[in-house]
Amino acid sequence: MTKSKPRSDTVQQVLPGEERRRSQRVMVRTPVTLYVTIAGQPLTIQAETVAVNDHGAMVLCSRTLPTDMKLEIRNDRTGERSSCRVTRTPRDTPEGSLIPVEFDTPVRGFWHISFPPTDWKPLDS
C-alpha cells in the first residue's frame, strides 16, 4: 500500500506575522489626516492607508514619524478620529514612508468596511 501525498489545496500555510495578527487586514486606500506634535509644534499631515484593521492601519505618508510617537488619525471619509501610536520603525518606499499605527484601543467599525471572516483565505491562483 502506498501513502498518498497531501492535496495541495488542503495544505494551509501561515504567512509571516499572520500568527500574531489580532484582526483581519484589508488592503484599501483611504484618505486620512494625521495630527501630531513635533518639537512642540502641532502639525497636520495628509496621508492614506494601504491596509486597515480593527487595531489600526499601515499608512503611506510623505514624511516619516518615529516609533512610539503618539498621534491622532482622522478617517477623511467619515470625519471620525482616534488616538494611536506608531508601533515600529517606518519603512521608506518610492511612494513615501509606510507607517504602522495602532489605535490606543481597538475601534471596531472605524473604517466603515466589511472585513472578511477570520477563517477566510484567498484561493491560490
Protein backbone atom coordinates (compact mmCIF):
# COMPACT_ATOMS: atom_id res chain seq x y z
CA MET A 1 0.00 0.00 0.00
CA THR A 2 1.37 3.44 -0.91
CA LYS A 3 0.85 6.54 1.10
CA SER A 4 -0.95 9.32 -0.69
CA LYS A 5 0.51 12.79 -0.81
CA PRO A 6 -1.45 15.55 0.85
CA ARG A 7 -3.50 17.52 -1.65
CA SER A 8 -2.08 20.98 -2.26
CA ASP A 9 -5.49 22.60 -1.87
CA THR A 10 -5.75 21.32 1.71
CA VAL A 11 -2.32 22.48 2.86
CA GLN A 12 -2.53 25.67 4.85
CA GLN A 13 0.48 27.89 5.18
CA VAL A 14 0.89 30.59 7.78
CA LEU A 15 2.34 33.78 6.39
CA PRO A 16 4.98 35.66 8.41
CA GLY A 17 3.27 37.80 11.04
CA GLU A 18 -0.11 36.18 10.43
CA GLU A 19 0.14 34.02 13.54
CA ARG A 20 0.07 37.12 15.70
CA ARG A 21 -2.50 39.16 13.73
CA ARG A 22 -5.36 40.08 16.03
CA SER A 23 -7.92 41.07 13.40
CA GLN A 24 -8.45 40.69 9.67
CA ARG A 25 -6.48 43.09 7.50
CA VAL A 26 -7.93 44.59 4.32
CA MET A 27 -5.83 46.26 1.66
CA VAL A 28 -7.59 49.56 0.92
CA ARG A 29 -6.55 53.12 0.11
CA THR A 30 -8.45 55.56 2.31
CA PRO A 31 -7.53 59.23 2.75
CA VAL A 32 -6.57 60.10 6.34
CA THR A 33 -5.24 63.10 8.21
CA LEU A 34 -2.60 62.67 10.90
CA TYR A 35 -2.37 65.14 13.78
CA VAL A 36 1.00 65.15 15.54
CA THR A 37 3.09 67.45 17.69
CA ILE A 38 6.76 67.71 16.71
CA ALA A 39 9.16 69.89 18.71
CA GLY A 40 6.18 71.47 20.47
CA GLN A 41 4.50 72.46 17.21
CA PRO A 42 1.18 70.93 16.10
CA LEU A 43 1.39 69.51 12.58
CA THR A 44 -1.30 68.22 10.21
CA ILE A 45 -0.21 65.64 7.64
CA GLN A 46 -2.29 64.35 4.72
CA ALA A 47 -1.78 60.62 4.12
CA GLU A 48 -3.61 57.50 3.00
CA THR A 49 -3.97 53.97 4.27
CA VAL A 50 -2.51 50.97 2.46
CA ALA A 51 -4.06 48.37 4.78
CA VAL A 52 -6.52 48.64 7.67
CA ASN A 53 -7.89 46.50 10.51
CA ASP A 54 -9.79 46.99 13.77
CA HIS A 55 -6.50 47.67 15.57
CA GLY A 56 -5.04 50.32 13.25
CA ALA A 57 -3.55 50.74 9.80
CA MET A 58 -0.50 50.88 7.60
CA VAL A 59 -0.33 54.50 6.48
CA LEU A 60 1.51 55.90 3.46
CA CYS A 61 2.85 59.33 4.32
CA SER A 62 5.12 61.97 2.76
CA ARG A 63 7.28 62.03 5.89
CA THR A 64 8.46 59.55 8.47
CA LEU A 65 7.45 59.51 12.13
CA PRO A 66 9.42 57.96 15.00
CA THR A 67 8.44 54.72 16.72
CA ASP A 68 6.11 55.21 19.71
CA MET A 69 5.05 58.69 18.57
CA LYS A 70 1.53 59.47 19.76
CA LEU A 71 -0.82 60.94 17.19
CA GLU A 72 -4.43 61.23 16.20
CA ILE A 73 -5.75 59.81 12.92
CA ARG A 74 -8.87 61.03 11.14
CA ASN A 75 -10.73 58.94 8.59
CA ASP A 76 -11.29 61.68 6.00
CA ARG A 77 -14.30 59.85 4.51
CA THR A 78 -16.24 59.89 7.79
CA GLY A 79 -14.55 62.56 9.92
CA GLU A 80 -14.07 60.07 12.77
CA ARG A 81 -10.90 60.39 14.85
CA SER A 82 -8.93 58.03 17.03
CA SER A 83 -5.79 58.29 19.15
CA CYS A 84 -2.99 55.97 18.11
CA ARG A 85 0.77 55.48 18.09
CA VAL A 86 3.48 54.43 15.64
CA THR A 87 4.23 50.79 16.50
CA ARG A 88 7.58 50.24 14.78
CA THR A 89 10.12 51.89 12.52
CA PRO A 90 8.52 53.17 9.29
CA ARG A 91 9.78 51.76 6.00
CA ASP A 92 10.74 54.12 3.17
CA THR A 93 9.34 53.36 -0.30
CA PRO A 94 9.38 55.28 -3.59
CA GLU A 95 5.81 56.44 -2.77
CA GLY A 96 6.68 57.64 0.75
CA SER A 97 7.01 56.24 4.26
CA LEU A 98 4.93 53.24 5.30
CA ILE A 99 4.00 53.91 8.91
CA PRO A 100 2.31 51.22 11.03
CA VAL A 101 -0.11 52.78 13.52
CA GLU A 102 -2.12 51.11 16.28
CA PHE A 103 -5.22 52.56 17.93
CA ASP A 104 -4.93 53.11 21.69
CA THR A 105 -7.91 50.77 21.94
CA PRO A 106 -9.40 48.71 19.08
CA VAL A 107 -12.04 50.69 17.19
CA ARG A 108 -14.47 48.30 15.56
CA GLY A 109 -16.13 49.99 12.59
CA PHE A 110 -13.68 52.92 12.33
CA TRP A 111 -13.02 52.19 8.65
CA HIS A 112 -16.69 51.54 7.75
CA ILE A 113 -15.88 48.46 5.69
CA SER A 114 -16.86 44.81 6.00
CA PHE A 115 -13.94 42.62 6.94
CA PRO A 116 -13.76 39.02 5.67
CA PRO A 117 -14.44 36.22 8.17
CA THR A 118 -11.46 35.31 10.35
CA ASP A 119 -11.11 31.90 8.64
CA TRP A 120 -11.14 33.35 5.13
CA LYS A 121 -8.13 32.62 2.93
CA PRO A 122 -7.70 33.67 -0.72
CA LEU A 123 -7.56 30.91 -3.31
CA ASP A 124 -4.18 30.21 -4.86
CA SER A 125 -4.04 31.43 -8.45
